[in-house]
């Protein structure tokens, strides 16, 4: 016995679902005669009746119902696969893929507030976002452009300064109240000094503030996002800048109790392979990123 044709199976599935030859013909954009012919051919090839009449409707026989379950599932799977393939082809056709790495805290607090503007203006580009903090963490086989927190030079690479960092204390508003409220530089010593380095940034700030202190801490973070969250929760005072803390300050989760700021040991840079800038997609993104960094915080 030859396998039934796909046309006859489509006709069968449509009639079994709609219960009417005319309705199936309209759905499949063929004549009712063509549907009836496909059903006859299918039933002859299988040697069984698939339908019985019930008034004006065609009702599945027991064997027809068994076949309908398999055919209906198969048709849905085919339709789903076609939609997935078509959607993927539409999403990727004509688009250049750009792989961008950024420190997670920089991406969360600054970059994501702007990156969708770039995509809206450059709909021929598809971005893949990755996370890394230091240059040494990067796998350049998987990255086209990287934003790093560090200090040049990086031989073989082109870099452009995004932000010159100046660090000032920030804390939860609750640390401004009470007998140990922060009103002058020495008041920060009543609270835990939060940091992600060996304490050198805090020592530098305290020296500039003329508050000698050895800076010892009972906790060390290797991720600045954790430092910021600890500050938001009132567990101490962090040193940061308005690039990273702008949204927290603007929305009141953090306050800057003192205006004294000191230059950070490292800054944020945009880095790419020297030859990578010949790629118009990479150079366009780098130029846009530097332009965004020169605009006032918002």
Protein backbone atom coordinates (compact mmCIF):
# COMPACT_ATOMS: atom_id res chain seq x y z
CA UNK A 1 0.00 0.00 0.00
CA UNK A 2 1.37 3.39 -1.02
CA UNK A 3 1.66 6.08 1.63
CA UNK A 4 -1.14 8.68 1.51
CA UNK A 5 -0.26 12.00 -0.07
CA UNK A 6 0.26 15.06 2.08
CA UNK A 7 -2.58 16.80 0.20
CA UNK A 8 -5.05 14.09 1.18
CA UNK A 9 -3.90 14.19 4.81
CA UNK A 10 -4.33 17.99 4.90
CA UNK A 11 -7.81 17.66 3.47
CA UNK A 12 -8.65 14.95 6.02
CA UNK A 13 -7.34 17.03 8.95
CA UNK A 14 -9.29 20.09 7.88
CA UNK A 15 -12.59 18.22 7.37
CA UNK A 16 -12.19 16.32 10.66
CA UNK A 17 -11.69 19.60 12.52
CA UNK A 18 -14.38 21.62 10.73
CA UNK A 19 -16.88 18.80 10.10
CA UNK A 20 -17.76 20.10 6.67
CA UNK A 21 -16.28 19.69 3.17
CA UNK A 22 -17.23 23.22 2.10
CA UNK A 23 -15.59 24.78 5.17
CA UNK A 24 -12.43 22.77 4.59
CA UNK A 25 -12.38 23.80 0.93
CA UNK A 26 -12.59 27.47 1.94
CA UNK A 27 -9.78 27.05 4.49
CA UNK A 28 -7.47 25.33 2.00
CA UNK A 29 -8.46 27.56 -0.95
CA UNK A 30 -9.62 24.69 -3.18
CA UNK A 31 -12.99 23.53 -4.46
CA UNK A 32 -15.30 21.23 -2.43
CA UNK A 33 -14.94 18.70 -5.27
CA UNK A 34 -11.17 18.62 -4.77
CA UNK A 35 -11.63 17.98 -1.02
CA UNK A 36 -14.11 15.17 -1.67
CA UNK A 37 -11.71 13.61 -4.20
CA UNK A 38 -8.82 13.73 -1.70
CA UNK A 39 -10.97 12.07 0.99
CA UNK A 40 -12.07 9.29 -1.38
CA UNK A 41 -8.48 8.64 -2.40
CA UNK A 42 -7.34 8.51 1.24
CA UNK A 43 -10.09 6.11 2.30
CA UNK A 44 -9.48 3.87 -0.73
CA UNK A 45 -5.74 3.72 -0.06
CA UNK A 46 -6.35 2.81 3.61
CA UNK A 47 -9.28 0.49 2.92
CA UNK A 48 -11.36 1.97 5.75
CA UNK A 49 -14.10 4.52 6.28
CA UNK A 50 -12.90 7.61 8.10
CA UNK A 51 -16.19 9.51 8.31
CA UNK A 52 -19.92 8.88 8.71
CA UNK A 53 -22.68 11.39 8.04
CA UNK A 54 -24.58 12.97 10.95
CA UNK A 55 -27.09 15.38 9.46
CA UNK A 56 -25.08 17.90 7.44
CA UNK A 57 -21.86 17.18 9.28
CA UNK A 58 -19.20 14.56 8.72
CA UNK A 59 -18.29 12.77 11.96
CA UNK A 60 -15.15 10.72 12.43
CA UNK A 61 -15.42 6.97 12.77
CA UNK A 62 -13.42 5.28 15.56
CA UNK A 63 -10.54 4.59 13.18
CA UNK A 64 -10.85 8.07 11.72
CA UNK A 65 -10.53 9.58 15.20
CA UNK A 66 -7.37 7.55 15.81
CA UNK A 67 -5.83 8.79 12.56
CA UNK A 68 -6.93 12.38 13.27
CA UNK A 69 -4.94 12.50 16.52
CA UNK A 70 -1.70 11.59 14.72
CA UNK A 71 -2.32 13.76 11.67
CA UNK A 72 -3.41 16.76 13.74
CA UNK A 73 -0.29 16.56 15.92
CA UNK A 74 1.96 16.22 12.88
CA UNK A 75 0.35 19.20 11.12
CA UNK A 76 0.79 21.38 14.21
CA UNK A 77 4.44 20.37 14.49
CA UNK A 78 5.07 21.20 10.83
CA UNK A 79 3.34 24.58 11.18
CA UNK A 80 5.32 25.40 14.35
CA UNK A 81 8.61 24.47 12.67
CA UNK A 82 7.82 26.64 9.65
CA UNK A 83 7.00 29.63 11.92
CA UNK A 84 10.21 29.17 13.92
CA UNK A 85 12.36 28.92 10.81
CA UNK A 86 10.68 31.91 9.20
CA UNK A 87 10.98 34.03 12.35
CA UNK A 88 14.65 33.18 12.75
CA UNK A 89 15.35 33.93 9.11
CA UNK A 90 13.59 37.29 9.41
CA UNK A 91 15.49 38.18 12.60
CA UNK A 92 18.93 37.44 11.20
CA UNK A 93 18.72 38.24 7.49
CA UNK A 94 20.81 41.27 6.66
CA UNK A 95 21.85 41.91 10.26
CA UNK A 96 25.41 42.21 11.45
CA UNK A 97 26.12 40.67 14.85
CA UNK A 98 28.16 42.66 17.33
CA UNK A 99 29.49 41.06 20.51
CA UNK A 100 29.95 43.58 23.32
CA UNK A 101 31.40 42.95 26.77
CA UNK A 102 30.92 45.24 29.77
CA UNK A 103 31.29 45.00 33.55
CA UNK A 104 27.95 43.90 34.98
CA UNK A 105 27.54 46.94 37.24
CA UNK A 106 28.37 49.35 34.37
CA UNK A 107 25.97 47.51 32.09
CA UNK A 108 23.18 47.54 34.67
CA UNK A 109 23.49 51.15 35.80
CA UNK A 110 24.63 53.01 32.66
CA UNK A 111 24.72 51.00 29.44
CA UNK A 112 21.29 49.37 29.48
CA UNK A 113 19.67 52.79 29.89
CA UNK A 114 21.10 53.71 26.47
CA UNK A 115 21.73 50.55 24.45
CA UNK A 116 18.16 50.26 23.15
CA UNK A 117 18.45 53.73 21.63
CA UNK A 118 21.39 52.40 19.62
CA UNK A 119 19.38 49.37 18.46
CA UNK A 120 16.41 51.53 17.47
CA UNK A 121 18.70 53.73 15.37
CA UNK A 122 20.68 50.79 13.92
CA UNK A 123 18.18 48.10 13.09
CA UNK A 124 20.70 46.32 10.85
CA UNK A 125 22.73 45.33 13.94
CA UNK A 126 22.06 42.54 16.41
CA UNK A 127 23.86 42.72 19.77
CA UNK A 128 25.15 39.95 21.97
CA UNK A 129 25.94 41.26 25.45
CA UNK A 130 28.62 39.63 27.63
CA UNK A 131 30.08 40.52 31.04
CA UNK A 132 33.66 40.95 32.23
CA UNK A 133 35.36 43.58 34.36
CA UNK A 134 39.09 43.49 33.61
CA UNK A 135 40.95 43.24 30.31
CA UNK A 136 42.54 39.98 31.45
CA UNK A 137 39.13 38.33 31.75
CA UNK A 138 38.24 38.85 28.08
CA UNK A 139 38.21 36.09 25.48
CA UNK A 140 38.78 38.10 22.31
CA UNK A 141 37.67 35.17 20.17
CA UNK A 142 34.16 35.92 21.43
CA UNK A 143 34.27 39.72 21.81
CA UNK A 144 34.31 42.55 19.24
CA UNK A 145 34.15 45.54 21.59
CA UNK A 146 34.79 45.63 25.33
CA UNK A 147 34.19 48.20 28.02
CA UNK A 148 36.72 47.61 30.79
CA UNK A 149 37.56 49.16 34.12
CA UNK A 150 41.32 49.45 34.00
CA UNK A 151 44.41 51.35 32.94
CA UNK A 152 46.13 51.34 29.50
CA UNK A 153 48.23 50.50 27.59
CA UNK A 154 46.92 47.36 25.93
CA UNK A 155 49.32 46.50 23.07
CA UNK A 156 47.63 45.49 19.83
CA UNK A 157 44.37 47.16 20.81
CA UNK A 158 42.76 50.54 20.29
CA UNK A 159 41.18 52.19 23.32
CA UNK A 160 39.19 55.33 24.00
CA UNK A 161 38.40 56.86 27.37
CA UNK A 162 34.74 56.78 28.29
CA UNK A 163 34.71 58.19 31.81
CA UNK A 164 37.35 59.70 34.10
CA UNK A 165 36.30 58.39 37.46
CA UNK A 166 36.16 60.45 40.66
CA UNK A 167 34.96 58.64 43.75
CA UNK A 168 32.85 60.15 46.54
CA UNK A 169 31.06 58.51 49.48
CA UNK A 170 27.49 57.31 49.02
CA UNK A 171 25.20 55.65 51.54
CA UNK A 172 21.61 54.92 52.45
CA UNK A 173 19.63 57.98 53.64
CA UNK A 174 19.26 56.29 57.02
CA UNK A 175 22.99 56.81 57.70
CA UNK A 176 22.42 60.56 57.78
CA UNK A 177 20.31 60.31 60.92
CA UNK A 178 21.07 59.64 64.58
CA UNK A 179 24.15 60.29 66.71
CA UNK A 180 26.43 58.80 64.04
CA UNK A 181 24.85 60.59 61.11
CA UNK A 182 27.39 61.51 58.42
CA UNK A 183 27.91 65.27 58.37
CA UNK A 184 31.68 65.61 58.02
CA UNK A 185 34.45 63.32 56.71
CA UNK A 186 35.40 61.78 60.06
CA UNK A 187 31.82 60.58 60.54
CA UNK A 188 32.27 57.83 57.91
CA UNK A 189 34.50 56.01 60.44
CA UNK A 190 31.40 55.24 62.52
CA UNK A 191 30.26 52.95 59.70
CA UNK A 192 31.58 50.00 57.74
CA UNK A 193 33.66 51.13 54.77
CA UNK A 194 32.56 49.04 51.78
CA UNK A 195 35.03 48.34 48.98
CA UNK A 196 36.05 45.90 46.26
CA UNK A 197 39.80 46.49 46.44
CA UNK A 198 42.34 46.22 49.25
CA UNK A 199 41.06 49.43 50.83
CA UNK A 200 43.50 51.68 48.96
CA UNK A 201 40.75 53.83 47.43
CA UNK A 202 39.27 54.52 50.85
CA UNK A 203 42.73 55.26 52.29
CA UNK A 204 43.34 57.74 49.49
CA UNK A 205 40.00 59.46 50.09
CA UNK A 206 40.56 59.65 53.87
CA UNK A 207 44.04 61.06 53.34
CA UNK A 208 42.59 63.78 51.07
CA UNK A 209 39.95 64.46 53.75
CA UNK A 210 42.69 64.73 56.41
CA UNK A 211 41.22 61.85 58.39
CA UNK A 212 44.09 59.39 59.04
CA UNK A 213 42.85 55.82 59.22
CA UNK A 214 44.24 52.36 58.42
CA UNK A 215 40.97 51.16 56.74
CA UNK A 216 40.33 47.65 57.89
CA UNK A 217 37.17 45.78 56.94
CA UNK A 218 35.55 42.52 57.98
CA UNK A 219 34.19 41.90 54.47
CA UNK A 220 35.59 42.11 50.94
CA UNK A 221 33.56 42.09 47.72
CA UNK A 222 34.95 41.16 44.30
CA UNK A 223 31.87 42.56 42.56
CA UNK A 224 30.98 46.23 42.85
CA UNK A 225 27.28 45.50 42.34
CA UNK A 226 27.37 43.81 45.76
CA UNK A 227 29.07 46.88 47.25
CA UNK A 228 26.28 49.12 45.95
CA UNK A 229 23.57 46.79 47.23
CA UNK A 230 25.16 46.69 50.69
CA UNK A 231 25.21 50.51 50.68
CA UNK A 232 21.55 50.67 49.60
CA UNK A 233 20.64 48.34 52.46
CA UNK A 234 22.37 50.59 55.01
CA UNK A 235 25.28 48.27 55.83
CA UNK A 236 27.98 50.90 55.29
CA UNK A 237 29.43 53.60 53.08
CA UNK A 238 30.73 53.00 49.56
CA UNK A 239 32.99 55.06 47.34
CA UNK A 240 31.58 55.44 43.85
CA UNK A 241 30.93 57.99 41.11
CA UNK A 242 27.87 59.54 39.53
CA UNK A 243 28.23 57.37 36.40
CA UNK A 244 27.55 54.19 38.37
CA UNK A 245 25.36 55.63 41.11
CA UNK A 246 23.41 58.23 39.10
CA UNK A 247 20.13 56.31 39.08
CA UNK A 248 20.35 55.39 42.77
CA UNK A 249 21.05 59.02 43.67
CA UNK A 250 18.32 60.33 41.37
CA UNK A 251 15.71 57.95 42.78
CA UNK A 252 16.78 58.40 46.41
CA UNK A 253 18.06 54.91 47.19
CA UNK A 254 21.50 56.44 47.87
CA UNK A 255 22.65 59.88 48.96
CA UNK A 256 26.02 61.60 48.71
CA UNK A 257 26.58 63.07 52.17
CA UNK A 258 29.96 64.68 51.39
CA UNK A 259 31.14 66.50 48.27
CA UNK A 260 34.84 65.58 48.50
CA UNK A 261 35.82 63.26 45.64
CA UNK A 262 39.17 61.81 44.62
CA UNK A 263 40.41 60.49 41.27
CA UNK A 264 39.98 56.75 40.92
CA UNK A 265 42.97 54.55 40.23
CA UNK A 266 41.25 53.20 37.11
CA UNK A 267 38.77 54.47 34.52
CA UNK A 268 36.28 53.04 32.03
CA UNK A 269 37.62 52.52 28.50
CA UNK A 270 36.16 51.22 25.25
CA UNK A 271 38.56 48.72 23.65
CA UNK A 272 38.69 46.86 20.33
CA UNK A 273 41.33 45.21 18.17
CA UNK A 274 43.19 47.81 16.13
CA UNK A 275 42.16 46.10 12.89
CA UNK A 276 38.58 45.78 14.17
CA UNK A 277 37.94 49.48 13.62
CA UNK A 278 38.05 48.83 9.87
CA UNK A 279 34.72 47.05 10.39
CA UNK A 280 32.02 49.74 9.96
CA UNK A 281 29.74 48.01 12.49
CA UNK A 282 32.42 48.12 15.18
CA UNK A 283 33.52 51.67 14.44
CA UNK A 284 29.90 52.87 14.40
CA UNK A 285 29.24 51.37 17.82
CA UNK A 286 32.49 52.72 19.31
CA UNK A 287 31.75 56.25 18.04
CA UNK A 288 28.22 56.07 19.42
CA UNK A 289 29.46 54.82 22.79
CA UNK A 290 32.05 57.59 23.15
CA UNK A 291 29.45 60.17 22.13
CA UNK A 292 27.06 58.88 24.81
CA UNK A 293 29.80 59.06 27.43
CA UNK A 294 30.44 62.74 26.68
CA UNK A 295 26.79 63.67 27.26
CA UNK A 296 25.59 64.78 30.72
CA UNK A 297 24.31 62.06 33.03
CA UNK A 298 20.60 61.53 32.84
